C-alpha atoms as a PDB file:
ATOM      1  CA  MET A   1      57.270  27.911   2.022  1.00  0.00           C
ATOM      2  CA  SER A   2      60.020  27.510   4.626  1.00  0.00           C
ATOM      3  CA  PRO A   3      60.795  30.405   6.981  1.00  0.00           C
ATOM      4  CA  ALA A   4      63.932  32.446   6.307  1.00  0.00           C
ATOM      5  CA  PRO A   5      67.164  30.795   7.535  1.00  0.00           C
ATOM      6  CA  ALA A   6      67.757  33.490  10.155  1.00  0.00           C
ATOM      7  CA  ARG A   7      64.237  32.908  11.481  1.00  0.00           C
ATOM      8  CA  LEU A   8      64.935  29.174  11.870  1.00  0.00           C
ATOM      9  CA  VAL A   9      68.123  29.921  13.773  1.00  0.00           C
ATOM     10  CA  GLY A  10      66.173  32.279  16.034  1.00  0.00           C
ATOM     11  CA  LEU A  11      63.594  29.577  16.781  1.00  0.00           C
ATOM     12  CA  PHE A  12      66.365  27.082  17.564  1.00  0.00           C
ATOM     13  CA  LEU A  13      68.078  29.492  19.964  1.00  0.00           C
ATOM     14  CA  ASP A  14      64.757  30.322  21.633  1.00  0.00           C
ATOM     15  CA  MET A  15      64.227  26.608  22.223  1.00  0.00           C
ATOM     16  CA  GLN A  16      67.700  26.274  23.783  1.00  0.00           C
ATOM     17  CA  VAL A  17      66.875  29.017  26.275  1.00  0.00           C
ATOM     18  CA  ALA A  18      63.290  27.984  27.039  1.00  0.00           C
ATOM     19  CA  GLU A  19      63.663  24.206  27.215  1.00  0.00           C
ATOM     20  CA  ARG A  20      67.309  23.662  28.119  1.00  0.00           C
ATOM     21  CA  ALA A  21      68.046  26.828  30.106  1.00  0.00           C
ATOM     22  CA  ALA A  22      71.108  27.464  27.936  1.00  0.00           C
ATOM     23  CA  ALA A  23      73.423  30.142  29.318  1.00  0.00           C
ATOM     24  CA  ALA A  24      73.961  33.395  27.427  1.00  0.00           C
ATOM     25  CA  ASN A  25      77.529  32.380  26.534  1.00  0.00           C
ATOM     26  CA  THR A  26      76.294  29.073  25.106  1.00  0.00           C
ATOM     27  CA  VAL A  27      73.602  30.779  23.036  1.00  0.00           C
ATOM     28  CA  ALA A  28      76.140  33.296  21.722  1.00  0.00           C
ATOM     29  CA  ALA A  29      78.462  30.447  20.664  1.00  0.00           C
ATOM     30  CA  TYR A  30      75.592  28.667  18.882  1.00  0.00           C
ATOM     31  CA  ARG A  31      74.710  31.880  17.072  1.00  0.00           C
ATOM     32  CA  ARG A  32      78.291  32.405  15.878  1.00  0.00           C
ATOM     33  CA  ASP A  33      78.496  28.815  14.637  1.00  0.00           C
ATOM     34  CA  LEU A  34      75.176  28.991  12.818  1.00  0.00           C
ATOM     35  CA  ASP A  35      75.816  32.429  11.311  1.00  0.00           C
ATOM     36  CA  ASP A  36      78.996  31.037   9.749  1.00  0.00           C
ATOM     37  CA  TYR A  37      77.097  27.967   8.536  1.00  0.00           C
ATOM     38  CA  LEU A  38      74.323  30.083   6.987  1.00  0.00           C
ATOM     39  CA  ASP A  39      76.944  32.174   5.159  1.00  0.00           C
ATOM     40  CA  PHE A  40      78.350  28.954   3.703  1.00  0.00           C
ATOM     41  CA  LEU A  41      74.889  27.748   2.645  1.00  0.00           C
ATOM     42  CA  ALA A  42      74.031  31.122   1.107  1.00  0.00           C
ATOM     43  CA  GLY A  43      77.166  30.896  -1.018  1.00  0.00           C
ATOM     44  CA  ARG A  44      75.829  27.627  -2.406  1.00  0.00           C
ATOM     45  CA  GLY A  45      72.281  28.866  -2.795  1.00  0.00           C
ATOM     46  CA  ALA A  46      71.119  26.320  -0.195  1.00  0.00           C
ATOM     47  CA  HIS A  47      68.427  26.627   2.473  1.00  0.00           C
ATOM     48  CA  PRO A  48      68.974  24.838   5.830  1.00  0.00           C
ATOM     49  CA  ALA A  49      65.593  23.094   5.572  1.00  0.00           C
ATOM     50  CA  GLY A  50      66.671  21.386   2.342  1.00  0.00           C
ATOM     51  CA  VAL A  51      70.306  20.578   3.118  1.00  0.00           C
ATOM     52  CA  GLU A  52      71.661  17.104   2.353  1.00  0.00           C
ATOM     53  CA  SER A  53      74.492  15.236   4.057  1.00  0.00           C
ATOM     54  CA  GLU A  54      76.981  16.050   1.299  1.00  0.00           C
ATOM     55  CA  THR A  55      76.512  19.770   1.900  1.00  0.00           C
ATOM     56  CA  VAL A  56      77.265  19.359   5.597  1.00  0.00           C
ATOM     57  CA  ARG A  57      80.356  17.300   4.732  1.00  0.00           C
ATOM     58  CA  ALA A  58      81.452  20.045   2.334  1.00  0.00           C
ATOM     59  CA  TYR A  59      81.124  22.587   5.133  1.00  0.00           C
ATOM     60  CA  LEU A  60      83.236  20.425   7.463  1.00  0.00           C
ATOM     61  CA  ALA A  61      85.832  20.088   4.696  1.00  0.00           C
ATOM     62  CA  GLU A  62      85.953  23.871   4.381  1.00  0.00           C
ATOM     63  CA  LEU A  63      86.495  24.200   8.126  1.00  0.00           C
ATOM     64  CA  ASP A  64      89.426  21.806   7.788  1.00  0.00           C
ATOM     65  CA  GLU A  65      90.858  23.901   4.949  1.00  0.00           C
ATOM     66  CA  ARG A  66      90.603  26.972   7.175  1.00  0.00           C
ATOM     67  CA  GLY A  67      92.834  25.170   9.665  1.00  0.00           C
ATOM     68  CA  LEU A  68      90.177  24.767  12.346  1.00  0.00           C
ATOM     69  CA  ALA A  69      91.308  22.353  15.065  1.00  0.00           C
ATOM     70  CA  ALA A  70      89.572  18.979  15.238  1.00  0.00           C
ATOM     71  CA  ALA A  71      88.082  19.802  18.642  1.00  0.00           C
ATOM     72  CA  SER A  72      86.625  23.073  17.325  1.00  0.00           C
ATOM     73  CA  ALA A  73      85.254  21.356  14.214  1.00  0.00           C
ATOM     74  CA  ALA A  74      83.656  18.686  16.409  1.00  0.00           C
ATOM     75  CA  ARG A  75      81.968  21.413  18.449  1.00  0.00           C
ATOM     76  CA  ARG A  76      80.688  23.061  15.254  1.00  0.00           C
ATOM     77  CA  LEU A  77      79.268  19.744  14.085  1.00  0.00           C
ATOM     78  CA  SER A  78      77.574  19.297  17.462  1.00  0.00           C
ATOM     79  CA  THR A  79      75.853  22.657  16.937  1.00  0.00           C
ATOM     80  CA  LEU A  80      74.760  21.634  13.435  1.00  0.00           C
ATOM     81  CA  ARG A  81      73.419  18.311  14.730  1.00  0.00           C
ATOM     82  CA  GLY A  82      71.292  20.102  17.290  1.00  0.00           C
ATOM     83  CA  PHE A  83      70.056  22.625  14.730  1.00  0.00           C
ATOM     84  CA  HIS A  84      69.128  20.085  12.044  1.00  0.00           C
ATOM     85  CA  ARG A  85      67.582  17.700  14.567  1.00  0.00           C
ATOM     86  CA  PHE A  86      65.442  20.610  15.765  1.00  0.00           C
ATOM     87  CA  LEU A  87      64.339  21.442  12.197  1.00  0.00           C
ATOM     88  CA  TYR A  88      63.422  17.807  11.578  1.00  0.00           C
ATOM     89  CA  THR A  89      61.488  17.257  14.823  1.00  0.00           C
ATOM     90  CA  GLU A  90      59.638  20.564  14.381  1.00  0.00           C
ATOM     91  CA  GLY A  91      58.536  19.578  10.873  1.00  0.00           C
ATOM     92  CA  GLN A  92      60.611  22.298   9.203  1.00  0.00           C
ATOM     93  CA  ALA A  93      62.786  19.799   7.287  1.00  0.00           C
ATOM     94  CA  PRO A  94      62.083  16.371   5.736  1.00  0.00           C
ATOM     95  CA  ALA A  95      65.204  14.767   7.233  1.00  0.00           C
ATOM     96  CA  ASP A  96      68.217  15.343   9.459  1.00  0.00           C
ATOM     97  CA  PRO A  97      71.277  15.499   7.162  1.00  0.00           C
ATOM     98  CA  THR A  98      73.721  15.171  10.069  1.00  0.00           C
ATOM     99  CA  ALA A  99      72.396  11.796  11.262  1.00  0.00           C
ATOM    100  CA  ALA A 100      74.809   9.783   9.118  1.00  0.00           C
ATOM    101  CA  ILE A 101      77.865  12.015   9.547  1.00  0.00           C
ATOM    102  CA  ALA A 102      80.779  10.928  11.714  1.00  0.00           C
ATOM    103  CA  GLY A 103      82.505  13.893  13.260  1.00  0.00           C
ATOM    104  CA  PRO A 104      86.224  14.577  13.586  1.00  0.00           C
ATOM    105  CA  ARG A 105      87.415  12.883  16.769  1.00  0.00           C
ATOM    106  CA  ALA A 106      89.957  14.779  18.787  1.00  0.00           C
ATOM    107  CA  ARG A 107      91.894  13.160  21.609  1.00  0.00           C
ATOM    108  CA  ARG A 108      90.948  15.140  24.659  1.00  0.00           C
ATOM    109  CA  PRO A 109      94.084  16.648  26.204  1.00  0.00           C
ATOM    110  CA  LEU A 110      94.832  16.275  29.876  1.00  0.00           C
ATOM    111  CA  PRO A 111      93.800  19.388  31.786  1.00  0.00           C
ATOM    112  CA  LYS A 112      96.547  21.814  32.741  1.00  0.00           C
ATOM    113  CA  THR A 113      96.891  22.152  36.470  1.00  0.00           C
ATOM    114  CA  LEU A 114      99.120  23.401  39.282  1.00  0.00           C
ATOM    115  CA  THR A 115     100.769  21.506  42.113  1.00  0.00           C
ATOM    116  CA  ILE A 116      99.483  21.892  45.655  1.00  0.00           C
ATOM    117  CA  GLN A 117     102.650  23.834  46.488  1.00  0.00           C
ATOM    118  CA  GLU A 118     102.076  26.253  43.598  1.00  0.00           C
ATOM    119  CA  VAL A 119      98.490  26.896  44.680  1.00  0.00           C
ATOM    120  CA  ASP A 120      99.735  27.500  48.231  1.00  0.00           C
ATOM    121  CA  ARG A 121     102.182  30.101  46.894  1.00  0.00           C
ATOM    122  CA  LEU A 122      99.415  31.801  44.928  1.00  0.00           C
ATOM    123  CA  LEU A 123      97.035  31.942  47.899  1.00  0.00           C
ATOM    124  CA  LEU A 124      99.764  33.107  50.288  1.00  0.00           C
ATOM    125  CA  ALA A 125     100.863  35.924  47.968  1.00  0.00           C
ATOM    126  CA  ALA A 126      97.238  37.039  47.518  1.00  0.00           C
ATOM    127  CA  ARG A 127      96.601  36.994  51.274  1.00  0.00           C
ATOM    128  CA  GLU A 128      99.764  38.955  52.040  1.00  0.00           C
ATOM    129  CA  ALA A 129      98.856  41.544  49.388  1.00  0.00           C
ATOM    130  CA  SER A 130      95.383  41.962  50.912  1.00  0.00           C
ATOM    131  CA  GLU A 131      96.861  42.547  54.381  1.00  0.00           C
ATOM    132  CA  ARG A 132      99.326  45.282  53.433  1.00  0.00           C
ATOM    133  CA  PRO A 133      98.569  48.253  55.716  1.00  0.00           C
ATOM    134  CA  ASP A 134     100.125  50.810  53.344  1.00  0.00           C
ATOM    135  CA  LEU A 135      97.635  50.291  50.507  1.00  0.00           C
ATOM    136  CA  PRO A 136      95.087  53.025  49.680  1.00  0.00           C
ATOM    137  CA  PRO A 137      91.470  51.916  50.375  1.00  0.00           C
ATOM    138  CA  LEU A 138      90.623  51.168  46.731  1.00  0.00           C
ATOM    139  CA  GLU A 139      93.791  49.122  46.174  1.00  0.00           C
ATOM    140  CA  ARG A 140      93.226  47.235  49.402  1.00  0.00           C
ATOM    141  CA  LEU A 141      89.686  46.406  48.308  1.00  0.00           C
ATOM    142  CA  ARG A 142      90.986  45.095  44.966  1.00  0.00           C
ATOM    143  CA  ALA A 143      93.631  42.996  46.727  1.00  0.00           C
ATOM    144  CA  ALA A 144      91.034  41.580  49.140  1.00  0.00           C
ATOM    145  CA  ARG A 145      88.765  40.813  46.187  1.00  0.00           C
ATOM    146  CA  MET A 146      91.502  38.821  44.457  1.00  0.00           C
ATOM    147  CA  HIS A 147      92.265  36.910  47.655  1.00  0.00           C
ATOM    148  CA  CYS A 148      88.558  36.137  48.078  1.00  0.00           C
ATOM    149  CA  LEU A 149      88.197  35.039  44.445  1.00  0.00           C
ATOM    150  CA  LEU A 150      91.180  32.687  44.675  1.00  0.00           C
ATOM    151  CA  GLU A 151      90.172  31.151  48.003  1.00  0.00           C
ATOM    152  CA  LEU A 152      86.607  30.572  46.801  1.00  0.00           C
ATOM    153  CA  LEU A 153      87.707  29.164  43.455  1.00  0.00           C
ATOM    154  CA  TYR A 154      90.192  26.687  44.899  1.00  0.00           C
ATOM    155  CA  ALA A 155      87.849  25.736  47.753  1.00  0.00           C
ATOM    156  CA  THR A 156      84.842  25.072  45.524  1.00  0.00           C
ATOM    157  CA  GLY A 157      85.991  24.409  41.946  1.00  0.00           C
ATOM    158  CA  LEU A 158      83.273  26.728  40.629  1.00  0.00           C
ATOM    159  CA  ARG A 159      83.085  27.560  36.949  1.00  0.00           C
ATOM    160  CA  VAL A 160      84.417  31.078  36.463  1.00  0.00           C
ATOM    161  CA  SER A 161      80.976  32.276  35.296  1.00  0.00           C
ATOM    162  CA  GLU A 162      79.468  30.907  38.537  1.00  0.00           C
ATOM    163  CA  LEU A 163      82.164  32.530  40.663  1.00  0.00           C
ATOM    164  CA  VAL A 164      82.052  36.083  39.302  1.00  0.00           C
ATOM    165  CA  SER A 165      78.238  36.153  39.470  1.00  0.00           C
ATOM    166  CA  LEU A 166      77.919  35.088  43.117  1.00  0.00           C
ATOM    167  CA  PRO A 167      75.424  37.211  45.071  1.00  0.00           C
ATOM    168  CA  ALA A 168      76.683  39.192  48.067  1.00  0.00           C
ATOM    169  CA  SER A 169      74.459  37.007  50.251  1.00  0.00           C
ATOM    170  CA  ALA A 170      76.862  34.115  49.577  1.00  0.00           C
ATOM    171  CA  ALA A 171      79.482  35.800  51.774  1.00  0.00           C
ATOM    172  CA  ARG A 172      76.995  36.983  54.409  1.00  0.00           C
ATOM    173  CA  SER A 173      75.697  33.490  55.105  1.00  0.00           C
ATOM    174  CA  ARG A 174      76.990  31.636  58.160  1.00  0.00           C
ATOM    175  CA  GLU A 175      76.565  28.330  56.365  1.00  0.00           C
ATOM    176  CA  ARG A 176      79.628  26.245  55.581  1.00  0.00           C
ATOM    177  CA  PHE A 177      78.550  25.711  51.996  1.00  0.00           C
ATOM    178  CA  LEU A 178      77.398  27.589  48.908  1.00  0.00           C
ATOM    179  CA  VAL A 179      74.244  26.919  46.939  1.00  0.00           C
ATOM    180  CA  VAL A 180      75.349  27.298  43.315  1.00  0.00           C
ATOM    181  CA  ARG A 181      73.080  27.581  40.299  1.00  0.00           C
ATOM    182  CA  GLY A 182      75.035  26.003  37.461  1.00  0.00           C
ATOM    183  CA  LYS A 183      74.475  24.900  33.877  1.00  0.00           C
ATOM    184  CA  GLY A 184      70.879  24.183  32.986  1.00  0.00           C
ATOM    185  CA  ALA A 185      69.777  26.136  36.095  1.00  0.00           C
ATOM    186  CA  LYS A 186      70.663  23.086  38.237  1.00  0.00           C
ATOM    187  CA  GLU A 187      71.507  23.796  41.862  1.00  0.00           C
ATOM    188  CA  ARG A 188      74.230  22.049  43.843  1.00  0.00           C
ATOM    189  CA  LEU A 189      75.758  22.357  47.313  1.00  0.00           C
ATOM    190  CA  VAL A 190      79.486  23.101  47.507  1.00  0.00           C
ATOM    191  CA  PRO A 191      81.299  23.040  50.881  1.00  0.00           C
ATOM    192  CA  LEU A 192      83.481  25.998  51.910  1.00  0.00           C
ATOM    193  CA  THR A 193      86.860  25.839  53.635  1.00  0.00           C
ATOM    194  CA  GLU A 194      87.601  27.999  56.667  1.00  0.00           C
ATOM    195  CA  GLY A 195      90.132  29.917  54.579  1.00  0.00           C
ATOM    196  CA  ALA A 196      87.526  30.723  51.946  1.00  0.00           C
ATOM    197  CA  ARG A 197      84.975  31.831  54.546  1.00  0.00           C
ATOM    198  CA  ALA A 198      87.529  34.068  56.271  1.00  0.00           C
ATOM    199  CA  ALA A 199      88.665  35.643  52.990  1.00  0.00           C
ATOM    200  CA  ALA A 200      85.058  36.241  51.932  1.00  0.00           C
ATOM    201  CA  LYS A 201      84.199  37.912  55.260  1.00  0.00           C
ATOM    202  CA  ALA A 202      87.306  40.128  55.184  1.00  0.00           C
ATOM    203  CA  TYR A 203      86.542  41.198  51.625  1.00  0.00           C
ATOM    204  CA  LEU A 204      82.838  41.777  52.299  1.00  0.00           C
ATOM    205  CA  ASP A 205      83.648  43.987  55.307  1.00  0.00           C
ATOM    206  CA  LEU A 206      85.791  46.204  53.066  1.00  0.00           C
ATOM    207  CA  LEU A 207      83.244  46.137  50.248  1.00  0.00           C
ATOM    208  CA  GLU A 208      80.333  47.202  52.447  1.00  0.00           C
ATOM    209  CA  ALA A 209      82.384  50.093  53.822  1.00  0.00           C
ATOM    210  CA  SER A 210      83.013  51.313  50.262  1.00  0.00           C
ATOM    211  CA  PRO A 211      80.707  53.198  47.846  1.00  0.00           C
ATOM    212  CA  ARG A 212      80.038  49.896  46.035  1.00  0.00           C
ATOM    213  CA  GLY A 213      78.713  48.177  49.140  1.00  0.00           C
ATOM    214  CA  GLY A 214      75.124  47.114  49.688  1.00  0.00           C
ATOM    215  CA  GLY A 215      74.495  45.911  46.154  1.00  0.00           C
ATOM    216  CA  ARG A 216      73.331  42.581  44.756  1.00  0.00           C
ATOM    217  CA  TRP A 217      76.687  41.172  43.651  1.00  0.00           C
ATOM    218  CA  LEU A 218      79.618  39.936  45.705  1.00  0.00           C
ATOM    219  CA  PHE A 219      82.009  41.199  43.027  1.00  0.00           C
ATOM    220  CA  PRO A 220      80.327  44.349  41.642  1.00  0.00           C
ATOM    221  CA  ALA A 221      81.842  46.076  38.604  1.00  0.00           C
ATOM    222  CA  ASP A 222      81.025  48.569  35.870  1.00  0.00           C
ATOM    223  CA  SER A 223      79.995  45.902  33.372  1.00  0.00           C
ATOM    224  CA  GLU A 224      76.793  45.211  31.480  1.00  0.00           C
ATOM    225  CA  ALA A 225      75.888  42.445  33.936  1.00  0.00           C
ATOM    226  CA  GLY A 226      76.830  44.569  36.941  1.00  0.00           C
ATOM    227  CA  HIS A 227      79.466  42.162  38.245  1.00  0.00           C
ATOM    228  CA  LEU A 228      83.105  41.327  37.532  1.00  0.00           C
ATOM    229  CA  THR A 229      83.572  39.809  34.082  1.00  0.00           C
ATOM    230  CA  ARG A 230      85.352  36.533  33.400  1.00  0.00           C
ATOM    231  CA  GLN A 231      87.837  38.357  31.196  1.00  0.00           C
ATOM    232  CA  ALA A 232      88.724  40.941  33.864  1.00  0.00           C
ATOM    233  CA  PHE A 233      89.252  38.233  36.478  1.00  0.00           C
ATOM    234  CA  ALA A 234      91.445  36.181  34.126  1.00  0.00           C
ATOM    235  CA  ARG A 235      93.545  39.267  33.363  1.00  0.00           C
ATOM    236  CA  ASP A 236      93.984  40.198  37.036  1.00  0.00           C
ATOM    237  CA  LEU A 237      94.764  36.577  37.906  1.00  0.00           C
ATOM    238  CA  LYS A 238      97.798  36.587  35.615  1.00  0.00           C
ATOM    239  CA  VAL A 239      99.128  39.613  37.510  1.00  0.00           C
ATOM    240  CA  ALA A 240      98.548  37.797  40.823  1.00  0.00           C
ATOM    241  CA  ALA A 241     100.341  34.730  39.453  1.00  0.00           C
ATOM    242  CA  GLY A 242     103.369  36.838  38.543  1.00  0.00           C
ATOM    243  CA  ALA A 243     103.432  38.305  42.063  1.00  0.00           C
ATOM    244  CA  ALA A 244     103.558  34.731  43.405  1.00  0.00           C
ATOM    245  CA  GLY A 245     106.480  33.850  41.144  1.00  0.00           C
ATOM    246  CA  LEU A 246     104.376  31.774  38.743  1.00  0.00           C
ATOM    247  CA  ARG A 247     104.226  32.182  34.980  1.00  0.00           C
ATOM    248  CA  GLY A 248     101.046  34.010  34.032  1.00  0.00           C
ATOM    249  CA  ASP A 249     100.413  31.777  31.018  1.00  0.00           C
ATOM    250  CA  ARG A 250     100.186  28.744  33.343  1.00  0.00           C
ATOM    251  CA  VAL A 251      97.464  30.193  35.555  1.00  0.00           C
ATOM    252  CA  SER A 252      93.821  30.814  34.669  1.00  0.00           C
ATOM    253  CA  PRO A 253      90.477  30.388  36.440  1.00  0.00           C
ATOM    254  CA  HIS A 254      89.975  27.090  34.599  1.00  0.00           C
ATOM    255  CA  VAL A 255      93.411  25.836  35.673  1.00  0.00           C
ATOM    256  CA  LEU A 256      92.461  26.449  39.312  1.00  0.00           C
ATOM    257  CA  ARG A 257      89.193  24.566  38.801  1.00  0.00           C
ATOM    258  CA  HIS A 258      91.269  21.675  37.439  1.00  0.00           C
ATOM    259  CA  ALA A 259      93.634  21.953  40.409  1.00  0.00           C
ATOM    260  CA  PHE A 260      90.662  21.696  42.794  1.00  0.00           C
ATOM    261  CA  ALA A 261      89.505  18.449  41.165  1.00  0.00           C
ATOM    262  CA  SER A 262      92.969  16.948  40.670  1.00  0.00           C
ATOM    263  CA  HIS A 263      94.096  17.607  44.243  1.00  0.00           C
ATOM    264  CA  LEU A 264      90.902  16.130  45.697  1.00  0.00           C
ATOM    265  CA  LEU A 265      91.348  13.003  43.602  1.00  0.00           C
ATOM    266  CA  GLN A 266      95.023  12.851  44.497  1.00  0.00           C
ATOM    267  CA  ASN A 267      94.045  12.805  48.169  1.00  0.00           C
ATOM    268  CA  GLY A 268      91.525  10.004  47.802  1.00  0.00           C
ATOM    269  CA  ALA A 269      88.202  11.680  46.957  1.00  0.00           C
ATOM    270  CA  ASP A 270      85.646   9.586  45.082  1.00  0.00           C
ATOM    271  CA  LEU A 271      85.192  10.452  41.408  1.00  0.00           C
ATOM    272  CA  ARG A 272      81.398  10.632  41.828  1.00  0.00           C
ATOM    273  CA  VAL A 273      81.784  13.199  44.615  1.00  0.00           C
ATOM    274  CA  ILE A 274      84.033  15.317  42.397  1.00  0.00           C
ATOM    275  CA  GLN A 275      81.451  15.037  39.612  1.00  0.00           C
ATOM    276  CA  GLU A 276      78.812  16.486  41.948  1.00  0.00           C
ATOM    277  CA  LEU A 277      81.080  19.273  43.184  1.00  0.00           C
ATOM    278  CA  LEU A 278      82.053  20.309  39.653  1.00  0.00           C
ATOM    279  CA  GLY A 279      78.451  20.185  38.455  1.00  0.00           C
ATOM    280  CA  HIS A 280      79.166  17.711  35.653  1.00  0.00           C
ATOM    281  CA  ALA A 281      76.017  16.096  34.287  1.00  0.00           C
ATOM    282  CA  ASP A 282      77.963  13.096  32.964  1.00  0.00           C
ATOM    283  CA  ILE A 283      80.655  11.136  34.831  1.00  0.00           C
ATOM    284  CA  ALA A 284      82.512  10.811  31.512  1.00  0.00           C
ATOM    285  CA  THR A 285      83.359  14.516  31.705  1.00  0.00           C
ATOM    286  CA  THR A 286      84.932  14.023  35.127  1.00  0.00           C
ATOM    287  CA  GLN A 287      86.898  10.933  34.087  1.00  0.00           C
ATOM    288  CA  ILE A 288      89.511  13.097  32.392  1.00  0.00           C
ATOM    289  CA  TYR A 289      90.945  13.554  35.895  1.00  0.00           C
ATOM    290  CA  THR A 290      91.686   9.850  36.298  1.00  0.00           C
ATOM    291  CA  HIS A 291      95.229  10.471  35.034  1.00  0.00           C
ATOM    292  CA  VAL A 292      95.823  11.546  38.643  1.00  0.00           C
ATOM    293  CA  LEU A 293      94.738   8.086  39.812  1.00  0.00           C
ATOM    294  CA  ASP A 294      97.124   6.501  37.306  1.00  0.00           C
ATOM    295  CA  GLU A 295     100.021   8.373  38.930  1.00  0.00           C
ATOM    296  CA  ARG A 296      98.853   7.378  42.429  1.00  0.00           C
ATOM    297  CA  LEU A 297      98.684   3.726  41.403  1.00  0.00           C
ATOM    298  CA  LYS A 298     102.207   3.864  39.970  1.00  0.00           C
ATOM    299  CA  ASP A 299     103.474   5.391  43.212  1.00  0.00           C
ATOM    300  CA  MET A 300     101.679   2.756  45.297  1.00  0.00           C
ATOM    301  CA  VAL A 301     103.172  -0.109  43.294  1.00  0.00           C
ATOM    302  CA  ARG A 302     106.646   1.432  43.489  1.00  0.00           C
ATOM    303  CA  ASP A 303     106.432   2.096  47.232  1.00  0.00           C
ATOM    304  CA  LEU A 304     104.410  -0.880  48.491  1.00  0.00           C
ATOM    305  CA  HIS A 305     105.003  -3.817  46.144  1.00  0.00           C
ATOM    306  CA  PRO A 306     107.767  -6.154  47.383  1.00  0.00           C
ATOM    307  CA  LEU A 307     109.363  -6.061  43.917  1.00  0.00           C
ATOM    308  CA  GLY A 308     108.532  -2.424  43.292  1.00  0.00           C
ATOM    309  CA  ASP A 309     112.079  -1.105  43.617  1.00  0.00           C
ATOM    310  CA  ASP A 310     115.494  -2.058  42.370  1.00  0.00           C
ATOM    311  CA  ARG A 311     116.978  -3.145  45.686  1.00  0.00           C
ATOM    312  CA  ALA A 312     118.413  -6.613  45.625  1.00  0.00           C
ATOM    313  CA  GLU A 313     117.817  -8.823  48.630  1.00  0.00           C
ATOM    314  CA  GLY A 314     120.981  -9.966  50.356  1.00  0.00           C
END
């Protein structure tokens, strides 16, 4: 007799954590996907260990009827593939019903980004706010924290989850780089700019003089994890964007990560180097930034090719 569906999901999630070092956010997303899938199967009186391809296709069709975007449906199917492959390899199912299913293919959109000038405006506004002498101590600490967050994010291209969970020791170090533990518990070295190091030191000095100083986290907060949450940073960032004269809906932590990569590529950095800095396991993930190279090539042809402009020779 097969274990209960919820038990199979639990085993699958345990495997993701134990063998693939899946992050808590990833595991939570898998659980949401699979809970929805199990509800669908229960409505059909089906057990995941005995599912056939047609049932999976019916589920994908229902997602389409719900209006789920192709990219979201593709992610759901990826979760189902992993789940059913796990059941099959663990001997819990006679076959993998997703093996013959082609998923919905979504054209990956170009990442939203900011110009170098816009990032400069954002950093300048944050620095000026942190240096205001009239601010009360708590407000000055918050302003210095935002300046530190922005300088570190644009200098390193960290994922927002990596940034907000940095240890305080990251700012105390005299090294010119950070050691970052990313997806799959993989470590990578990320260089720091002088601006980022200065902002981190200024913020840490204020932090350690406050009641929150001396703790484990660089950005401590009253959250379950003990540090600033991604959501709180994203919310505060929109306020900082407005103060810099930028539309809040154009600025997010992920947009600044994209700006980091795009501006490096724009200035001649190698795509493989950017892959390492971003912590991408596959170069294909980084290749979305090659649209920047396309623009550089167009500019080079226009500016350097003898027939690249409309001037007629006399």
